[in-house]
Amino acid sequence: MANFVLQVPITLRSFTVSASSNPNGAALSGSNSGVGPVILELPLDKIRRPLMRTRSNDPIKVQELMDSISQIGLQVPIDVLEVDGNYYGFSGCHRYEAHQRLGLPTIRCKIRRGTKETLRHHMR
């Protein structure tokens, strides 16, 4: 299975993703070739964290991730659900906070497209 990484410049102020992908997040190439979700660098401020107020992160784990990310970079992208052009993060909370605290403008994400019903399911 192939993964694709798009590096987004730090100076990026406006971000859009083309709607030319199928519902599971794979880029269209004439037919579904079995390629999984798309991996992209997204600006942190474009990712909504709807469960952030109800959960707290372990500060020790966040600090360990900050140290690791500073030394070797993010090894595992966070999972993001794209619904109608909006990005929602429901996992990777510690990695997301580590990026915020390090002052990094973007984070590598595994993006999966979904419907409003999928979003409602994640909000339960």
PDB file of N, CA and C in Angstrom:
ATOM      1  N   MET A   1       0.847  -1.170   0.000  1.00  0.00           N
ATOM      2  CA  MET A   1       0.000   0.000   0.000  1.00  0.00           C
ATOM      3  C   MET A   1       0.894   1.235   0.000  1.00  0.00           C
ATOM      4  N   ALA A   2       0.560   2.207  -0.814  1.00  0.00           N
ATOM      5  CA  ALA A   2       1.358   3.426  -0.918  1.00  0.00           C
ATOM      6  C   ALA A   2       0.759   4.529  -0.059  1.00  0.00           C
ATOM      7  N   ASN A   3       1.616   5.310   0.558  1.00  0.00           N
ATOM      8  CA  ASN A   3       1.197   6.507   1.293  1.00  0.00           C
ATOM      9  C   ASN A   3       1.791   7.710   0.590  1.00  0.00           C
ATOM     10  N   PHE A   4       1.052   8.791   0.581  1.00  0.00           N
ATOM     11  CA  PHE A   4       1.510  10.005  -0.066  1.00  0.00           C
ATOM     12  C   PHE A   4       1.605  11.108   0.966  1.00  0.00           C
ATOM     13  N   VAL A   5       2.726  11.823   0.974  1.00  0.00           N
ATOM     14  CA  VAL A   5       2.924  12.914   1.909  1.00  0.00           C
ATOM     15  C   VAL A   5       3.077  14.201   1.120  1.00  0.00           C
ATOM     16  N   LEU A   6       2.304  15.201   1.495  1.00  0.00           N
ATOM     17  CA  LEU A   6       2.389  16.515   0.882  1.00  0.00           C
ATOM     18  C   LEU A   6       2.948  17.457   1.916  1.00  0.00           C
ATOM     19  N   GLN A   7       4.102  18.049   1.661  1.00  0.00           N
ATOM     20  CA  GLN A   7       4.688  19.017   2.569  1.00  0.00           C
ATOM     21  C   GLN A   7       4.085  20.382   2.276  1.00  0.00           C
ATOM     22  N   VAL A   8       3.502  20.998   3.285  1.00  0.00           N
ATOM     23  CA  VAL A   8       2.869  22.299   3.140  1.00  0.00           C
ATOM     24  C   VAL A   8       3.819  23.348   3.683  1.00  0.00           C
ATOM     25  N   PRO A   9       4.104  24.403   2.910  1.00  0.00           N
ATOM     26  CA  PRO A   9       5.017  25.439   3.393  1.00  0.00           C
ATOM     27  C   PRO A   9       4.515  26.069   4.690  1.00  0.00           C
ATOM     28  N   ILE A  10       5.461  26.444   5.562  1.00  0.00           N
ATOM     29  CA  ILE A  10       5.131  27.070   6.829  1.00  0.00           C
ATOM     30  C   ILE A  10       4.394  28.386   6.610  1.00  0.00           C
ATOM     31  N   THR A  11       4.699  29.059   5.537  1.00  0.00           N
ATOM     32  CA  THR A  11       4.094  30.362   5.279  1.00  0.00           C
ATOM     33  C   THR A  11       2.673  30.270   4.765  1.00  0.00           C
ATOM     34  N   LEU A  12       2.160  29.051   4.671  1.00  0.00           N
ATOM     35  CA  LEU A  12       0.798  28.849   4.172  1.00  0.00           C
ATOM     36  C   LEU A  12      -0.212  29.537   5.077  1.00  0.00           C
ATOM     37  N   ARG A  13      -1.064  30.354   4.507  1.00  0.00           N
ATOM     38  CA  ARG A  13      -2.088  31.043   5.289  1.00  0.00           C
ATOM     39  C   ARG A  13      -3.474  30.526   4.957  1.00  0.00           C
ATOM     40  N   SER A  14      -3.674  30.027   3.766  1.00  0.00           N
ATOM     41  CA  SER A  14      -4.970  29.515   3.344  1.00  0.00           C
ATOM     42  C   SER A  14      -4.755  28.103   2.844  1.00  0.00           C
ATOM     43  N   PHE A  15      -5.597  27.204   3.295  1.00  0.00           N
ATOM     44  CA  PHE A  15      -5.388  25.801   2.948  1.00  0.00           C
ATOM     45  C   PHE A  15      -6.681  25.212   2.431  1.00  0.00           C
ATOM     46  N   THR A  16      -6.595  24.538   1.295  1.00  0.00           N
ATOM     47  CA  THR A  16      -7.737  23.806   0.777  1.00  0.00           C
ATOM     48  C   THR A  16      -7.251  22.463   0.272  1.00  0.00           C
ATOM     49  N   VAL A  17      -8.105  21.486   0.335  1.00  0.00           N
ATOM     50  CA  VAL A  17      -7.807  20.173  -0.216  1.00  0.00           C
ATOM     51  C   VAL A  17      -8.789  19.930  -1.330  1.00  0.00           C
ATOM     52  N   SER A  18      -8.297  19.480  -2.443  1.00  0.00           N
ATOM     53  CA  SER A  18      -9.155  19.196  -3.582  1.00  0.00           C
ATOM     54  C   SER A  18     -10.177  18.137  -3.227  1.00  0.00           C
ATOM     55  N   ALA A  19     -11.372  18.300  -3.744  1.00  0.00           N
ATOM     56  CA  ALA A  19     -12.439  17.326  -3.495  1.00  0.00           C
ATOM     57  C   ALA A  19     -12.305  16.120  -4.410  1.00  0.00           C
ATOM     58  N   SER A  20     -11.179  15.985  -5.090  1.00  0.00           N
ATOM     59  CA  SER A  20     -11.012  14.879  -6.036  1.00  0.00           C
ATOM     60  C   SER A  20     -10.461  13.637  -5.346  1.00  0.00           C
ATOM     61  N   SER A  21     -11.159  13.209  -4.310  1.00  0.00           N
ATOM     62  CA  SER A  21     -10.808  11.939  -3.678  1.00  0.00           C
ATOM     63  C   SER A  21     -12.085  11.187  -3.376  1.00  0.00           C
ATOM     64  N   ASN A  22     -11.946   9.892  -3.221  1.00  0.00           N
ATOM     65  CA  ASN A  22     -13.143   9.098  -2.988  1.00  0.00           C
ATOM     66  C   ASN A  22     -13.525   9.126  -1.511  1.00  0.00           C
ATOM     67  N   PRO A  23     -14.666   8.558  -1.118  1.00  0.00           N
ATOM     68  CA  PRO A  23     -15.146   8.668   0.260  1.00  0.00           C
ATOM     69  C   PRO A  23     -14.219   8.110   1.333  1.00  0.00           C
ATOM     70  N   ASN A  24     -13.310   7.196   1.002  1.00  0.00           N
ATOM     71  CA  ASN A  24     -12.422   6.687   2.044  1.00  0.00           C
ATOM     72  C   ASN A  24     -11.144   7.505   2.159  1.00  0.00           C
ATOM     73  N   GLY A  25     -11.037   8.602   1.408  1.00  0.00           N
ATOM     74  CA  GLY A  25      -9.890   9.482   1.510  1.00  0.00           C
ATOM     75  C   GLY A  25      -8.807   9.201   0.501  1.00  0.00           C
ATOM     76  N   ALA A  26      -8.952   8.177  -0.307  1.00  0.00           N
ATOM     77  CA  ALA A  26      -7.933   7.834  -1.291  1.00  0.00           C
ATOM     78  C   ALA A  26      -8.062   8.737  -2.510  1.00  0.00           C
ATOM     79  N   ALA A  27      -6.938   9.093  -3.065  1.00  0.00           N
ATOM     80  CA  ALA A  27      -6.961   9.913  -4.277  1.00  0.00           C
ATOM     81  C   ALA A  27      -7.559   9.124  -5.424  1.00  0.00           C
ATOM     82  N   LEU A  28      -8.355   9.798  -6.230  1.00  0.00           N
ATOM     83  CA  LEU A  28      -8.962   9.129  -7.372  1.00  0.00           C
ATOM     84  C   LEU A  28      -7.951   8.972  -8.491  1.00  0.00           C
ATOM     85  N   SER A  29      -7.946   7.825  -9.092  1.00  0.00           N
ATOM     86  CA  SER A  29      -7.038   7.579 -10.211  1.00  0.00           C
ATOM     87  C   SER A  29      -7.760   6.800 -11.299  1.00  0.00           C
ATOM     88  N   GLY A  30      -9.001   7.154 -11.548  1.00  0.00           N
ATOM     89  CA  GLY A  30      -9.781   6.453 -12.547  1.00  0.00           C
ATOM     90  C   GLY A  30     -10.618   5.352 -11.939  1.00  0.00           C
ATOM     91  N   SER A  31     -10.043   4.573 -11.049  1.00  0.00           N
ATOM     92  CA  SER A  31     -10.787   3.553 -10.315  1.00  0.00           C
ATOM     93  C   SER A  31     -10.161   3.423  -8.946  1.00  0.00           C
ATOM     94  N   ASN A  32     -10.888   2.847  -8.015  1.00  0.00           N
ATOM     95  CA  ASN A  32     -10.356   2.676  -6.670  1.00  0.00           C
ATOM     96  C   ASN A  32      -9.267   1.611  -6.707  1.00  0.00           C
ATOM     97  N   SER A  33      -8.029   2.034  -6.523  1.00  0.00           N
ATOM     98  CA  SER A  33      -6.895   1.127  -6.619  1.00  0.00           C
ATOM     99  C   SER A  33      -6.528   0.515  -5.281  1.00  0.00           C
ATOM    100  N   GLY A  34      -7.372   0.723  -4.244  1.00  0.00           N
ATOM    101  CA  GLY A  34      -7.075   0.145  -2.944  1.00  0.00           C
ATOM    102  C   GLY A  34      -6.150   0.999  -2.102  1.00  0.00           C
ATOM    103  N   VAL A  35      -5.808   2.183  -2.550  1.00  0.00           N
ATOM    104  CA  VAL A  35      -4.940   3.071  -1.790  1.00  0.00           C
ATOM    105  C   VAL A  35      -5.713   3.566  -0.578  1.00  0.00           C
ATOM    106  N   GLY A  36      -5.079   3.569   0.590  1.00  0.00           N
ATOM    107  CA  GLY A  36      -5.741   3.964   1.827  1.00  0.00           C
ATOM    108  C   GLY A  36      -5.913   5.465   1.949  1.00  0.00           C
ATOM    109  N   PRO A  37      -6.169   5.910   3.174  1.00  0.00           N
ATOM    110  CA  PRO A  37      -6.360   7.343   3.421  1.00  0.00           C
ATOM    111  C   PRO A  37      -5.147   8.153   2.979  1.00  0.00           C
ATOM    112  N   VAL A  38      -5.390   9.406   2.691  1.00  0.00           N
ATOM    113  CA  VAL A  38      -4.345  10.320   2.232  1.00  0.00           C
ATOM    114  C   VAL A  38      -3.593  10.856   3.448  1.00  0.00           C
ATOM    115  N   ILE A  39      -2.273  10.964   3.337  1.00  0.00           N
ATOM    116  CA  ILE A  39      -1.439  11.543   4.383  1.00  0.00           C
ATOM    117  C   ILE A  39      -1.040  12.946   3.937  1.00  0.00           C
ATOM    118  N   LEU A  40      -1.396  13.953   4.743  1.00  0.00           N
ATOM    119  CA  LEU A  40      -1.089  15.355   4.434  1.00  0.00           C
ATOM    120  C   LEU A  40      -0.607  16.068   5.688  1.00  0.00           C
ATOM    121  N   GLU A  41       0.153  17.134   5.482  1.00  0.00           N
ATOM    122  CA  GLU A  41       0.480  18.057   6.558  1.00  0.00           C
ATOM    123  C   GLU A  41      -0.629  19.103   6.585  1.00  0.00           C
ATOM    124  N   LEU A  42      -1.338  19.211   7.705  1.00  0.00           N
ATOM    125  CA  LEU A  42      -2.399  20.209   7.847  1.00  0.00           C
ATOM    126  C   LEU A  42      -1.993  21.251   8.876  1.00  0.00           C
ATOM    127  N   PRO A  43      -2.380  22.500   8.652  1.00  0.00           N
ATOM    128  CA  PRO A  43      -2.164  23.514   9.693  1.00  0.00           C
ATOM    129  C   PRO A  43      -2.962  23.137  10.947  1.00  0.00           C
ATOM    130  N   LEU A  44      -2.340  23.298  12.114  1.00  0.00           N
ATOM    131  CA  LEU A  44      -3.018  22.955  13.366  1.00  0.00           C
ATOM    132  C   LEU A  44      -4.335  23.705  13.520  1.00  0.00           C
ATOM    133  N   ASP A  45      -4.347  24.954  13.079  1.00  0.00           N
ATOM    134  CA  ASP A  45      -5.557  25.759  13.278  1.00  0.00           C
ATOM    135  C   ASP A  45      -6.700  25.379  12.345  1.00  0.00           C
ATOM    136  N   LYS A  46      -6.478  24.446  11.430  1.00  0.00           N
ATOM    137  CA  LYS A  46      -7.551  23.963  10.547  1.00  0.00           C
ATOM    138  C   LYS A  46      -8.202  22.687  11.078  1.00  0.00           C
ATOM    139  N   ILE A  47      -7.676  22.152  12.181  1.00  0.00           N
ATOM    140  CA  ILE A  47      -8.189  20.902  12.737  1.00  0.00           C
ATOM    141  C   ILE A  47      -9.045  21.222  13.953  1.00  0.00           C
ATOM    142  N   ARG A  48     -10.305  20.855  13.881  1.00  0.00           N
ATOM    143  CA  ARG A  48     -11.222  21.051  15.011  1.00  0.00           C
ATOM    144  C   ARG A  48     -11.066  19.877  15.973  1.00  0.00           C
ATOM    145  N   ARG A  49     -11.073  20.178  17.257  1.00  0.00           N
ATOM    146  CA  ARG A  49     -10.924  19.151  18.295  1.00  0.00           C
ATOM    147  C   ARG A  49     -12.184  19.154  19.159  1.00  0.00           C
ATOM    148  N   PRO A  50     -13.286  18.554  18.680  1.00  0.00           N
ATOM    149  CA  PRO A  50     -14.567  18.666  19.388  1.00  0.00           C
ATOM    150  C   PRO A  50     -14.607  18.019  20.770  1.00  0.00           C
ATOM    151  N   LEU A  51     -13.736  17.091  21.074  1.00  0.00           N
ATOM    152  CA  LEU A  51     -13.753  16.426  22.378  1.00  0.00           C
ATOM    153  C   LEU A  51     -12.697  16.983  23.328  1.00  0.00           C
ATOM    154  N   MET A  52     -11.993  18.033  22.910  1.00  0.00           N
ATOM    155  CA  MET A  52     -10.887  18.572  23.687  1.00  0.00           C
ATOM    156  C   MET A  52     -11.331  19.010  25.085  1.00  0.00           C
ATOM    157  N   ARG A  53     -12.529  19.563  25.220  1.00  0.00           N
ATOM    158  CA  ARG A  53     -12.990  20.068  26.517  1.00  0.00           C
ATOM    159  C   ARG A  53     -13.344  18.947  27.487  1.00  0.00           C
ATOM    160  N   THR A  54     -13.589  17.755  26.987  1.00  0.00           N
ATOM    161  CA  THR A  54     -14.021  16.661  27.858  1.00  0.00           C
ATOM    162  C   THR A  54     -12.889  15.708  28.229  1.00  0.00           C
ATOM    163  N   ARG A  55     -11.735  15.892  27.663  1.00  0.00           N
ATOM    164  CA  ARG A  55     -10.611  14.998  27.934  1.00  0.00           C
ATOM    165  C   ARG A  55      -9.385  15.811  28.326  1.00  0.00           C
ATOM    166  N   SER A  56      -8.558  15.246  29.170  1.00  0.00           N
ATOM    167  CA  SER A  56      -7.305  15.918  29.505  1.00  0.00           C
ATOM    168  C   SER A  56      -6.146  14.995  29.133  1.00  0.00           C
ATOM    169  N   ASN A  57      -5.061  15.592  28.730  1.00  0.00           N
ATOM    170  CA  ASN A  57      -3.887  14.835  28.319  1.00  0.00           C
ATOM    171  C   ASN A  57      -2.937  14.632  29.493  1.00  0.00           C
ATOM    172  N   ASP A  58      -2.192  13.549  29.460  1.00  0.00           N
ATOM    173  CA  ASP A  58      -1.160  13.260  30.447  1.00  0.00           C
ATOM    174  C   ASP A  58       0.031  14.169  30.151  1.00  0.00           C
ATOM    175  N   PRO A  59       0.369  15.106  31.056  1.00  0.00           N
ATOM    176  CA  PRO A  59       1.465  16.052  30.787  1.00  0.00           C
ATOM    177  C   PRO A  59       2.817  15.374  30.594  1.00  0.00           C
ATOM    178  N   ILE A  60       3.040  14.246  31.247  1.00  0.00           N
ATOM    179  CA  ILE A  60       4.317  13.530  31.085  1.00  0.00           C
ATOM    180  C   ILE A  60       4.415  12.963  29.675  1.00  0.00           C
ATOM    181  N   LYS A  61       3.319  12.372  29.200  1.00  0.00           N
ATOM    182  CA  LYS A  61       3.303  11.817  27.842  1.00  0.00           C
ATOM    183  C   LYS A  61       3.494  12.929  26.803  1.00  0.00           C
ATOM    184  N   VAL A  62       2.860  14.078  27.025  1.00  0.00           N
ATOM    185  CA  VAL A  62       3.020  15.206  26.098  1.00  0.00           C
ATOM    186  C   VAL A  62       4.482  15.647  26.059  1.00  0.00           C
ATOM    187  N   GLN A  63       5.122  15.757  27.233  1.00  0.00           N
ATOM    188  CA  GLN A  63       6.526  16.172  27.281  1.00  0.00           C
ATOM    189  C   GLN A  63       7.427  15.154  26.590  1.00  0.00           C
ATOM    190  N   GLU A  64       7.161  13.860  26.794  1.00  0.00           N
ATOM    191  CA  GLU A  64       7.950  12.829  26.120  1.00  0.00           C
ATOM    192  C   GLU A  64       7.795  12.930  24.607  1.00  0.00           C
ATOM    193  N   LEU A  65       6.578  13.188  24.156  1.00  0.00           N
ATOM    194  CA  LEU A  65       6.352  13.357  22.720  1.00  0.00           C
ATOM    195  C   LEU A  65       7.038  14.605  22.192  1.00  0.00           C
ATOM    196  N   MET A  66       7.014  15.679  22.969  1.00  0.00           N
ATOM    197  CA  MET A  66       7.709  16.901  22.545  1.00  0.00           C
ATOM    198  C   MET A  66       9.194  16.626  22.344  1.00  0.00           C
ATOM    199  N   ASP A  67       9.790  15.910  23.289  1.00  0.00           N
ATOM    200  CA  ASP A  67      11.217  15.567  23.179  1.00  0.00           C
ATOM    201  C   ASP A  67      11.473  14.722  21.935  1.00  0.00           C
ATOM    202  N   SER A  68      10.622  13.715  21.717  1.00  0.00           N
ATOM    203  CA  SER A  68      10.784  12.827  20.573  1.00  0.00           C
ATOM    204  C   SER A  68      10.582  13.574  19.248  1.00  0.00           C
ATOM    205  N   ILE A  69       9.536  14.369  19.173  1.00  0.00           N
ATOM    206  CA  ILE A  69       9.249  15.108  17.941  1.00  0.00           C
ATOM    207  C   ILE A  69      10.373  16.091  17.637  1.00  0.00           C
ATOM    208  N   SER A  70      10.935  16.718  18.670  1.00  0.00           N
ATOM    209  CA  SER A  70      12.051  17.650  18.474  1.00  0.00           C
ATOM    210  C   SER A  70      13.274  16.934  17.906  1.00  0.00           C
ATOM    211  N   GLN A  71      13.494  15.698  18.336  1.00  0.00           N
ATOM    212  CA  GLN A  71      14.678  14.959  17.921  1.00  0.00           C
ATOM    213  C   GLN A  71      14.505  14.239  16.591  1.00  0.00           C
ATOM    214  N   ILE A  72      13.380  13.536  16.414  1.00  0.00           N
ATOM    215  CA  ILE A  72      13.249  12.687  15.221  1.00  0.00           C
ATOM    216  C   ILE A  72      12.002  12.969  14.394  1.00  0.00           C
ATOM    217  N   GLY A  73      11.189  13.913  14.828  1.00  0.00           N
ATOM    218  CA  GLY A  73       9.974  14.234  14.091  1.00  0.00           C
ATOM    219  C   GLY A  73       8.830  13.314  14.473  1.00  0.00           C
ATOM    220  N   LEU A  74       7.662  13.637  13.979  1.00  0.00           N
ATOM    221  CA  LEU A  74       6.471  12.840  14.251  1.00  0.00           C
ATOM    222  C   LEU A  74       6.556  11.530  13.477  1.00  0.00           C
ATOM    223  N   GLN A  75       6.437  10.417  14.173  1.00  0.00           N
ATOM    224  CA  GLN A  75       6.562   9.111  13.535  1.00  0.00           C
ATOM    225  C   GLN A  75       5.231   8.536  13.065  1.00  0.00           C
ATOM    226  N   VAL A  76       4.138   8.876  13.754  1.00  0.00           N
ATOM    227  CA  VAL A  76       2.822   8.337  13.420  1.00  0.00           C
ATOM    228  C   VAL A  76       1.862   9.503  13.232  1.00  0.00           C
ATOM    229  N   PRO A  77       1.278   9.660  12.042  1.00  0.00           N
ATOM    230  CA  PRO A  77       0.345  10.766  11.825  1.00  0.00           C
ATOM    231  C   PRO A  77      -0.914  10.616  12.682  1.00  0.00           C
ATOM    232  N   ILE A  78      -1.548  11.745  12.985  1.00  0.00           N
ATOM    233  CA  ILE A  78      -2.817  11.677  13.704  1.00  0.00           C
ATOM    234  C   ILE A  78      -3.924  11.349  12.706  1.00  0.00           C
ATOM    235  N   ASP A  79      -5.020  10.803  13.196  1.00  0.00           N
ATOM    236  CA  ASP A  79      -6.170  10.486  12.347  1.00  0.00           C
ATOM    237  C   ASP A  79      -7.117  11.672  12.330  1.00  0.00           C
ATOM    238  N   VAL A  80      -7.529  12.066  11.129  1.00  0.00           N
ATOM    239  CA  VAL A  80      -8.423  13.206  10.958  1.00  0.00           C
ATOM    240  C   VAL A  80      -9.573  12.788  10.047  1.00  0.00           C
ATOM    241  N   LEU A  81     -10.764  13.207  10.419  1.00  0.00           N
ATOM    242  CA  LEU A  81     -11.954  12.963   9.612  1.00  0.00           C
ATOM    243  C   LEU A  81     -12.293  14.257   8.883  1.00  0.00           C
ATOM    244  N   GLU A  82     -12.423  14.195   7.553  1.00  0.00           N
ATOM    245  CA  GLU A  82     -12.797  15.365   6.747  1.00  0.00           C
ATOM    246  C   GLU A  82     -14.265  15.229   6.380  1.00  0.00           C
ATOM    247  N   VAL A  83     -15.063  16.211   6.793  1.00  0.00           N
ATOM    248  CA  VAL A  83     -16.487  16.238   6.489  1.00  0.00           C
ATOM    249  C   VAL A  83     -16.809  17.609   5.916  1.00  0.00           C
ATOM    250  N   ASP A  84     -17.258  17.644   4.681  1.00  0.00           N
ATOM    251  CA  ASP A  84     -17.650  18.894   4.018  1.00  0.00           C
ATOM    252  C   ASP A  84     -16.568  19.967   4.108  1.00  0.00           C
ATOM    253  N   GLY A  85     -15.317  19.586   3.918  1.00  0.00           N
ATOM    254  CA  GLY A  85     -14.214  20.544   3.903  1.00  0.00           C
ATOM    255  C   GLY A  85     -13.702  20.951   5.273  1.00  0.00           C
ATOM    256  N   ASN A  86     -14.262  20.413   6.340  1.00  0.00           N
ATOM    257  CA  ASN A  86     -13.796  20.682   7.700  1.00  0.00           C
ATOM    258  C   ASN A  86     -13.080  19.452   8.230  1.00  0.00           C
ATOM    259  N   TYR A  87     -12.039  19.676   9.022  1.00  0.00           N
ATOM    260  CA  TYR A  87     -11.216  18.593   9.544  1.00  0.00           C
ATOM    261  C   TYR A  87     -11.447  18.435  11.041  1.00  0.00           C
ATOM    262  N   TYR A  88     -11.713  17.192  11.474  1.00  0.00           N
ATOM    263  CA  TYR A  88     -12.000  16.890  12.861  1.00  0.00           C
ATOM    264  C   TYR A  88     -11.016  15.847  13.367  1.00  0.00           C
ATOM    265  N   GLY A  89     -10.342  16.164  14.472  1.00  0.00           N
ATOM    266  CA  GLY A  89      -9.411  15.228  15.077  1.00  0.00           C
ATOM    267  C   GLY A  89     -10.016  14.594  16.304  1.00  0.00           C
ATOM    268  N   PHE A  90     -10.071  13.259  16.325  1.00  0.00           N
ATOM    269  CA  PHE A  90     -10.619  12.532  17.462  1.00  0.00           C
ATOM    270  C   PHE A  90      -9.574  11.645  18.124  1.00  0.00           C
ATOM    271  N   SER A  91      -8.424  11.511  17.525  1.00  0.00           N
ATOM    272  CA  SER A  91      -7.347  10.732  18.126  1.00  0.00           C
ATOM    273  C   SER A  91      -6.058  11.512  17.926  1.00  0.00           C
ATOM    274  N   GLY A  92      -5.004  11.088  18.604  1.00  0.00           N
ATOM    275  CA  GLY A  92      -3.735  11.799  18.487  1.00  0.00           C
ATOM    276  C   GLY A  92      -3.688  13.049  19.338  1.00  0.00           C
ATOM    277  N   CYS A  93      -4.458  13.072  20.434  1.00  0.00           N
ATOM    278  CA  CYS A  93      -4.550  14.268  21.279  1.00  0.00           C
ATOM    279  C   CYS A  93      -3.188  14.675  21.866  1.00  0.00           C
ATOM    280  N   HIS A  94      -2.410  13.703  22.319  1.00  0.00           N
ATOM    281  CA  HIS A  94      -1.111  14.013  22.900  1.00  0.00           C
ATOM    282  C   HIS A  94      -0.144  14.544  21.837  1.00  0.00           C
ATOM    283  N   ARG A  95      -0.178  13.926  20.643  1.00  0.00           N
ATOM    284  CA  ARG A  95       0.687  14.383  19.551  1.00  0.00           C
ATOM    285  C   ARG A  95       0.296  15.789  19.109  1.00  0.00           C
ATOM    286  N   TYR A  96      -1.010  16.049  19.041  1.00  0.00           N
ATOM    287  CA  TYR A  96      -1.506  17.369  18.659  1.00  0.00           C
ATOM    288  C   TYR A  96      -1.034  18.423  19.670  1.00  0.00           C
ATOM    289  N   GLU A  97      -1.209  18.137  20.971  1.00  0.00           N
ATOM    290  CA  GLU A  97      -0.788  19.093  21.993  1.00  0.00           C
ATOM    291  C   GLU A  97       0.729  19.305  21.973  1.00  0.00           C
ATOM    292  N   ALA A  98       1.484  18.239  21.738  1.00  0.00           N
ATOM    293  CA  ALA A  98       2.941  18.375  21.659  1.00  0.00           C
ATOM    294  C   ALA A  98       3.329  19.320  20.523  1.00  0.00           C
ATOM    295  N   HIS A  99       2.668  19.193  19.376  1.00  0.00           N
ATOM    296  CA  HIS A  99       2.946  20.096  18.260  1.00  0.00           C
ATOM    297  C   HIS A  99       2.596  21.538  18.632  1.00  0.00           C
ATOM    298  N   GLN A 100       1.456  21.729  19.291  1.00  0.00           N
ATOM    299  CA  GLN A 100       1.050  23.073  19.719  1.00  0.00           C
ATOM    300  C   GLN A 100       2.098  23.675  20.644  1.00  0.00           C
ATOM    301  N   ARG A 101       2.494  22.914  21.653  1.00  0.00           N
ATOM    302  CA  ARG A 101       3.441  23.434  22.643  1.00  0.00           C
ATOM    303  C   ARG A 101       4.820  23.684  22.058  1.00  0.00           C
ATOM    304  N   LEU A 102       5.175  22.944  21.008  1.00  0.00           N
ATOM    305  CA  LEU A 102       6.452  23.182  20.324  1.00  0.00           C
ATOM    306  C   LEU A 102       6.374  24.372  19.364  1.00  0.00           C
ATOM    307  N   GLY A 103       5.166  24.868  19.126  1.00  0.00           N
ATOM    308  CA  GLY A 103       4.996  25.999  18.212  1.00  0.00           C
ATOM    309  C   GLY A 103       5.070  25.604  16.747  1.00  0.00           C
ATOM    310  N   LEU A 104       4.824  24.335  16.455  1.00  0.00           N
ATOM    311  CA  LEU A 104       4.860  23.873  15.067  1.00  0.00           C
ATOM    312  C   LEU A 104       3.547  24.244  14.383  1.00  0.00           C
ATOM    313  N   PRO A 105       3.601  24.776  13.175  1.00  0.00           N
ATOM    314  CA  PRO A 105       2.377  25.248  12.516  1.00  0.00           C
ATOM    315  C   PRO A 105       1.539  24.142  11.883  1.00  0.00           C
ATOM    316  N   THR A 106       2.153  23.000  11.572  1.00  0.00           N
ATOM    317  CA  THR A 106       1.428  21.927  10.892  1.00  0.00           C
ATOM    318  C   THR A 106       1.680  20.603  11.593  1.00  0.00           C
ATOM    319  N   ILE A 107       0.829  19.619  11.264  1.00  0.00           N
ATOM    320  CA  ILE A 107       0.997  18.271  11.782  1.00  0.00           C
ATOM    321  C   ILE A 107       0.619  17.285  10.678  1.00  0.00           C
ATOM    322  N   ARG A 108       1.345  16.193  10.610  1.00  0.00           N
ATOM    323  CA  ARG A 108       1.052  15.165   9.608  1.00  0.00           C
ATOM    324  C   ARG A 108      -0.206  14.412  10.020  1.00  0.00           C
ATOM    325  N   CYS A 109      -1.139  14.279   9.080  1.00  0.00           N
ATOM    326  CA  CYS A 109      -2.446  13.670   9.359  1.00  0.00           C
ATOM    327  C   CYS A 109      -2.774  12.590   8.347  1.00  0.00           C
ATOM    328  N   LYS A 110      -3.427  11.547   8.840  1.00  0.00           N
ATOM    329  CA  LYS A 110      -4.017  10.541   7.965  1.00  0.00           C
ATOM    330  C   LYS A 110      -5.480  10.949   7.836  1.00  0.00           C
ATOM    331  N   ILE A 111      -5.862  11.390   6.638  1.00  0.00           N
ATOM    332  CA  ILE A 111      -7.183  11.970   6.426  1.00  0.00           C
ATOM    333  C   ILE A 111      -8.115  10.962   5.777  1.00  0.00           C
ATOM    334  N   ARG A 112      -9.251  10.800   6.416  1.00  0.00           N
ATOM    335  CA  ARG A 112     -10.308   9.928   5.915  1.00  0.00           C
ATOM    336  C   ARG A 112     -11.547  10.797   5.709  1.00  0.00           C
ATOM    337  N   ARG A 113     -12.182  10.670   4.560  1.00  0.00           N
ATOM    338  CA  ARG A 113     -13.404  11.435   4.296  1.00  0.00           C
ATOM    339  C   ARG A 113     -14.589  10.724   4.909  1.00  0.00           C
ATOM    340  N   GLY A 114     -15.549  11.504   5.393  1.00  0.00           N
ATOM    341  CA  GLY A 114     -16.734  10.930   5.993  1.00  0.00           C
ATOM    342  C   GLY A 114     -17.948  11.810   5.779  1.00  0.00           C
ATOM    343  N   THR A 115     -19.068  11.316   6.234  1.00  0.00           N
ATOM    344  CA  THR A 115     -20.332  12.036   6.123  1.00  0.00           C
ATOM    345  C   THR A 115     -20.662  12.693   7.467  1.00  0.00           C
ATOM    346  N   LYS A 116     -21.708  13.490   7.474  1.00  0.00           N
ATOM    347  CA  LYS A 116     -22.163  14.087   8.731  1.00  0.00           C
ATOM    348  C   LYS A 116     -22.597  13.008   9.714  1.00  0.00           C
ATOM    349  N   GLU A 117     -23.144  11.923   9.202  1.00  0.00           N
ATOM    350  CA  GLU A 117     -23.533  10.816  10.073  1.00  0.00           C
ATOM    351  C   GLU A 117     -22.301  10.187  10.733  1.00  0.00           C
ATOM    352  N   THR A 118     -21.220  10.047   9.989  1.00  0.00           N
ATOM    353  CA  THR A 118     -19.971   9.536  10.555  1.00  0.00           C
ATOM    354  C   THR A 118     -19.483  10.464  11.665  1.00  0.00           C
ATOM    355  N   LEU A 119     -19.561  11.767  11.435  1.00  0.00           N
ATOM    356  CA  LEU A 119     -19.156  12.755  12.431  1.00  0.00           C
ATOM    357  C   LEU A 119     -20.015  12.625  13.695  1.00  0.00           C
ATOM    358  N   ARG A 120     -21.327  12.496  13.515  1.00  0.00           N
ATOM    359  CA  ARG A 120     -22.223  12.328  14.669  1.00  0.00           C
ATOM    360  C   ARG A 120     -21.842  11.074  15.468  1.00  0.00           C
ATOM    361  N   HIS A 121     -21.501  10.008  14.763  1.00  0.00           N
ATOM    362  CA  HIS A 121     -21.088   8.767  15.430  1.00  0.00           C
ATOM    363  C   HIS A 121     -19.848   9.004  16.290  1.00  0.00           C
ATOM    364  N   HIS A 122     -18.874   9.743  15.789  1.00  0.00           N
ATOM    365  CA  HIS A 122     -17.643  10.041  16.543  1.00  0.00           C
ATOM    366  C   HIS A 122     -17.914  10.940  17.734  1.00  0.00           C
ATOM    367  N   MET A 123     -18.967  11.754  17.666  1.00  0.00           N
ATOM    368  CA  MET A 123     -19.270  12.689  18.748  1.00  0.00           C
ATOM    369  C   MET A 123     -19.962  12.007  19.925  1.00  0.00           C
ATOM    370  N   ARG A 124     -20.470  10.800  19.731  1.00  0.00           N
ATOM    371  CA  ARG A 124     -21.173  10.091  20.814  1.00  0.00           C
ATOM    372  C   ARG A 124     -20.238   9.655  21.894  1.00  0.00           C
TER     373      ARG A 124
END
